[in-house]
């Protein structure tokens, strides 16, 4: 039996991110997703929106058909 998995090269928050530190955020996405760790990735509010910043993903974990990521926002392009 296979496991459906999506490979992502950017973080799309849809406004559901949660601040857990000064520049650290947590985000839960549905399904199993694979993200690059320790390299800069774009952060966007929606898939088709402009980049709002750059982040480094620190941790990825899968549980109950969800992907939990923790990332550090290293630059912010806009405050909105």
N, C-alpha and C. Protein backbone atom coordinates (compact mmCIF):
# COMPACT_ATOMS: atom_id res chain seq x y z
N UNK A 1 0.85 -1.17 0.00
CA UNK A 1 0.00 0.00 0.00
C UNK A 1 0.90 1.24 0.00
N UNK A 2 0.59 2.20 -0.85
CA UNK A 2 1.37 3.42 -0.96
C UNK A 2 0.89 4.50 -0.02
N UNK A 3 1.73 5.48 0.15
CA UNK A 3 1.39 6.63 0.99
C UNK A 3 1.44 7.87 0.10
N UNK A 4 0.33 8.59 -0.05
CA UNK A 4 0.36 9.80 -0.87
C UNK A 4 1.23 10.87 -0.19
N UNK A 5 2.13 11.47 -0.99
CA UNK A 5 3.02 12.49 -0.44
C UNK A 5 3.20 13.60 -1.47
N UNK A 6 3.29 14.81 -0.96
CA UNK A 6 3.49 15.98 -1.80
C UNK A 6 4.86 16.57 -1.46
N UNK A 7 5.59 17.01 -2.48
CA UNK A 7 6.88 17.66 -2.27
C UNK A 7 6.67 19.15 -2.45
N UNK A 8 7.01 19.94 -1.43
CA UNK A 8 6.83 21.39 -1.46
C UNK A 8 8.17 22.11 -1.43
N UNK A 9 8.25 23.21 -2.19
CA UNK A 9 9.48 24.00 -2.22
C UNK A 9 9.24 25.41 -1.70
N UNK A 10 8.05 25.68 -1.16
CA UNK A 10 7.75 26.96 -0.52
C UNK A 10 6.74 26.70 0.59
N UNK A 11 6.64 27.64 1.51
CA UNK A 11 5.68 27.54 2.61
C UNK A 11 4.49 28.42 2.25
N UNK A 12 3.30 27.84 2.21
CA UNK A 12 2.06 28.58 1.96
C UNK A 12 1.26 28.54 3.26
N UNK A 13 1.11 29.70 3.90
CA UNK A 13 0.54 29.73 5.24
C UNK A 13 -0.98 29.82 5.29
N UNK A 14 -1.59 30.46 4.33
CA UNK A 14 -3.04 30.73 4.32
C UNK A 14 -3.48 31.38 5.64
N UNK A 15 -2.56 32.08 6.29
CA UNK A 15 -2.87 32.77 7.54
C UNK A 15 -3.02 31.86 8.74
N UNK A 16 -2.60 30.61 8.65
CA UNK A 16 -2.80 29.64 9.74
C UNK A 16 -1.53 29.39 10.55
N UNK A 17 -0.48 30.18 10.31
CA UNK A 17 0.75 30.00 11.06
C UNK A 17 0.56 30.48 12.49
N UNK A 18 1.34 29.91 13.40
CA UNK A 18 1.27 30.29 14.81
C UNK A 18 2.67 30.65 15.28
N UNK A 19 2.81 31.84 15.85
CA UNK A 19 4.12 32.27 16.35
C UNK A 19 4.43 31.50 17.62
N UNK A 20 5.64 30.91 17.67
CA UNK A 20 6.05 30.15 18.86
C UNK A 20 7.32 30.73 19.46
N UNK A 21 7.86 31.76 18.86
CA UNK A 21 9.07 32.42 19.35
C UNK A 21 9.20 33.75 18.64
N UNK A 22 10.31 34.42 18.84
CA UNK A 22 10.49 35.74 18.24
C UNK A 22 10.33 35.68 16.72
N UNK A 23 11.06 34.80 16.05
CA UNK A 23 10.97 34.64 14.61
C UNK A 23 10.59 33.22 14.20
N UNK A 24 10.16 32.41 15.15
CA UNK A 24 9.82 31.01 14.89
C UNK A 24 8.31 30.84 14.80
N UNK A 25 7.90 30.02 13.83
CA UNK A 25 6.48 29.79 13.59
C UNK A 25 6.22 28.31 13.43
N UNK A 26 5.00 27.91 13.74
CA UNK A 26 4.55 26.54 13.58
C UNK A 26 3.37 26.56 12.61
N UNK A 27 3.29 25.53 11.78
CA UNK A 27 2.22 25.44 10.80
C UNK A 27 1.85 23.98 10.61
N UNK A 28 0.55 23.70 10.56
CA UNK A 28 0.06 22.35 10.32
C UNK A 28 -0.63 22.34 8.96
N UNK A 29 -0.19 21.42 8.10
CA UNK A 29 -0.77 21.28 6.77
C UNK A 29 -1.41 19.90 6.67
N UNK A 30 -2.50 19.80 5.91
CA UNK A 30 -3.15 18.51 5.75
C UNK A 30 -2.35 17.63 4.81
N UNK A 31 -2.39 16.34 5.01
CA UNK A 31 -1.67 15.39 4.17
C UNK A 31 -0.20 15.29 4.56
N UNK A 32 0.49 14.41 3.86
CA UNK A 32 1.91 14.22 4.10
C UNK A 32 2.70 15.03 3.07
N UNK A 33 3.56 15.90 3.56
CA UNK A 33 4.33 16.80 2.69
C UNK A 33 5.80 16.73 3.06
N UNK A 34 6.63 16.85 2.05
CA UNK A 34 8.07 16.84 2.25
C UNK A 34 8.60 18.23 1.93
N UNK A 35 9.38 18.79 2.84
CA UNK A 35 9.96 20.13 2.69
C UNK A 35 11.47 20.06 2.81
N UNK A 36 12.19 20.94 2.12
CA UNK A 36 13.65 21.00 2.30
C UNK A 36 13.96 21.61 3.67
N UNK A 37 14.99 21.08 4.32
CA UNK A 37 15.37 21.57 5.65
C UNK A 37 16.71 22.29 5.56
N UNK A 38 16.83 23.37 6.30
CA UNK A 38 18.08 24.14 6.42
C UNK A 38 18.54 24.81 5.13
N UNK A 39 17.62 25.11 4.23
CA UNK A 39 17.93 25.96 3.08
C UNK A 39 16.82 27.01 2.99
N UNK A 40 17.10 28.18 2.44
CA UNK A 40 16.06 29.22 2.39
C UNK A 40 14.92 28.84 1.44
N UNK A 41 13.69 29.05 1.91
CA UNK A 41 12.50 28.82 1.09
C UNK A 41 11.60 30.05 1.18
N UNK A 42 10.81 30.26 0.15
CA UNK A 42 9.88 31.39 0.11
C UNK A 42 8.69 31.12 1.02
N UNK A 43 8.15 32.19 1.60
CA UNK A 43 6.94 32.12 2.41
C UNK A 43 5.89 32.97 1.71
N UNK A 44 4.71 32.40 1.51
CA UNK A 44 3.61 33.10 0.86
C UNK A 44 2.33 32.89 1.65
N UNK A 45 1.39 33.83 1.52
CA UNK A 45 0.07 33.67 2.15
C UNK A 45 -0.77 32.67 1.36
N UNK A 46 -0.73 32.77 0.03
CA UNK A 46 -1.43 31.83 -0.84
C UNK A 46 -0.47 31.36 -1.92
N UNK A 47 -0.80 30.30 -2.59
CA UNK A 47 0.07 29.72 -3.60
C UNK A 47 0.41 30.71 -4.72
N UNK A 48 -0.53 31.55 -5.11
CA UNK A 48 -0.33 32.46 -6.23
C UNK A 48 0.01 33.89 -5.81
N UNK A 49 0.21 34.14 -4.52
CA UNK A 49 0.54 35.48 -4.06
C UNK A 49 2.04 35.72 -4.16
N UNK A 50 2.44 36.96 -3.92
CA UNK A 50 3.86 37.32 -3.90
C UNK A 50 4.51 36.78 -2.63
N UNK A 51 5.82 36.61 -2.67
CA UNK A 51 6.55 36.19 -1.47
C UNK A 51 6.40 37.26 -0.39
N UNK A 52 6.18 36.81 0.84
CA UNK A 52 6.13 37.76 1.96
C UNK A 52 7.42 37.70 2.77
N UNK A 53 8.22 36.66 2.53
CA UNK A 53 9.47 36.55 3.26
C UNK A 53 10.23 35.29 2.88
N UNK A 54 11.31 35.07 3.63
CA UNK A 54 12.15 33.89 3.45
C UNK A 54 12.31 33.22 4.80
N UNK A 55 12.33 31.89 4.78
CA UNK A 55 12.42 31.13 6.03
C UNK A 55 13.32 29.92 5.86
N UNK A 56 13.78 29.42 7.00
CA UNK A 56 14.49 28.15 7.07
C UNK A 56 13.61 27.19 7.86
N UNK A 57 13.31 26.05 7.28
CA UNK A 57 12.52 25.05 7.99
C UNK A 57 13.44 24.29 8.93
N UNK A 58 13.05 24.25 10.19
CA UNK A 58 13.86 23.61 11.22
C UNK A 58 13.43 22.18 11.51
N UNK A 59 12.10 21.92 11.38
CA UNK A 59 11.60 20.61 11.78
C UNK A 59 10.37 20.27 10.95
N UNK A 60 10.29 19.02 10.52
CA UNK A 60 9.13 18.50 9.81
C UNK A 60 8.74 17.19 10.49
N UNK A 61 7.47 17.05 10.82
CA UNK A 61 7.00 15.77 11.38
C UNK A 61 5.63 15.43 10.80
N UNK A 62 5.39 14.14 10.67
CA UNK A 62 4.12 13.64 10.13
C UNK A 62 3.36 12.89 11.21
N UNK A 63 2.06 13.14 11.26
CA UNK A 63 1.24 12.43 12.23
C UNK A 63 -0.22 12.53 11.82
N UNK A 64 -0.92 11.41 11.78
CA UNK A 64 -2.36 11.36 11.52
C UNK A 64 -2.77 12.14 10.26
N UNK A 65 -2.07 11.88 9.17
CA UNK A 65 -2.35 12.51 7.88
C UNK A 65 -2.18 14.04 7.91
N UNK A 66 -1.26 14.52 8.74
CA UNK A 66 -0.93 15.94 8.82
C UNK A 66 0.58 16.11 8.83
N UNK A 67 1.02 17.23 8.32
CA UNK A 67 2.44 17.59 8.36
C UNK A 67 2.59 18.80 9.27
N UNK A 68 3.46 18.69 10.25
CA UNK A 68 3.74 19.77 11.19
C UNK A 68 5.12 20.32 10.85
N UNK A 69 5.20 21.62 10.60
CA UNK A 69 6.50 22.22 10.33
C UNK A 69 6.77 23.36 11.31
N UNK A 70 8.03 23.51 11.64
CA UNK A 70 8.51 24.63 12.44
C UNK A 70 9.54 25.34 11.58
N UNK A 71 9.37 26.65 11.41
CA UNK A 71 10.29 27.38 10.57
C UNK A 71 10.67 28.70 11.22
N UNK A 72 11.85 29.19 10.82
CA UNK A 72 12.35 30.47 11.31
C UNK A 72 12.27 31.47 10.16
N UNK A 73 11.53 32.54 10.37
CA UNK A 73 11.41 33.59 9.37
C UNK A 73 12.66 34.44 9.45
N UNK A 74 13.45 34.47 8.37
CA UNK A 74 14.74 35.17 8.40
C UNK A 74 14.66 36.53 7.73
N UNK A 75 13.71 36.73 6.84
CA UNK A 75 13.52 38.05 6.25
C UNK A 75 12.05 38.24 5.94
N UNK A 76 11.60 39.48 6.05
CA UNK A 76 10.21 39.83 5.81
C UNK A 76 10.19 40.91 4.74
N UNK A 77 9.48 40.65 3.64
CA UNK A 77 9.44 41.60 2.53
C UNK A 77 8.36 42.66 2.72
N UNK A 78 7.32 42.34 3.49
CA UNK A 78 6.20 43.26 3.69
C UNK A 78 5.58 42.96 5.04
N UNK A 79 5.02 43.97 5.67
CA UNK A 79 4.37 43.76 6.95
C UNK A 79 2.92 43.35 6.80
N UNK A 80 2.37 43.41 5.59
CA UNK A 80 0.97 43.04 5.37
C UNK A 80 0.88 41.69 4.74
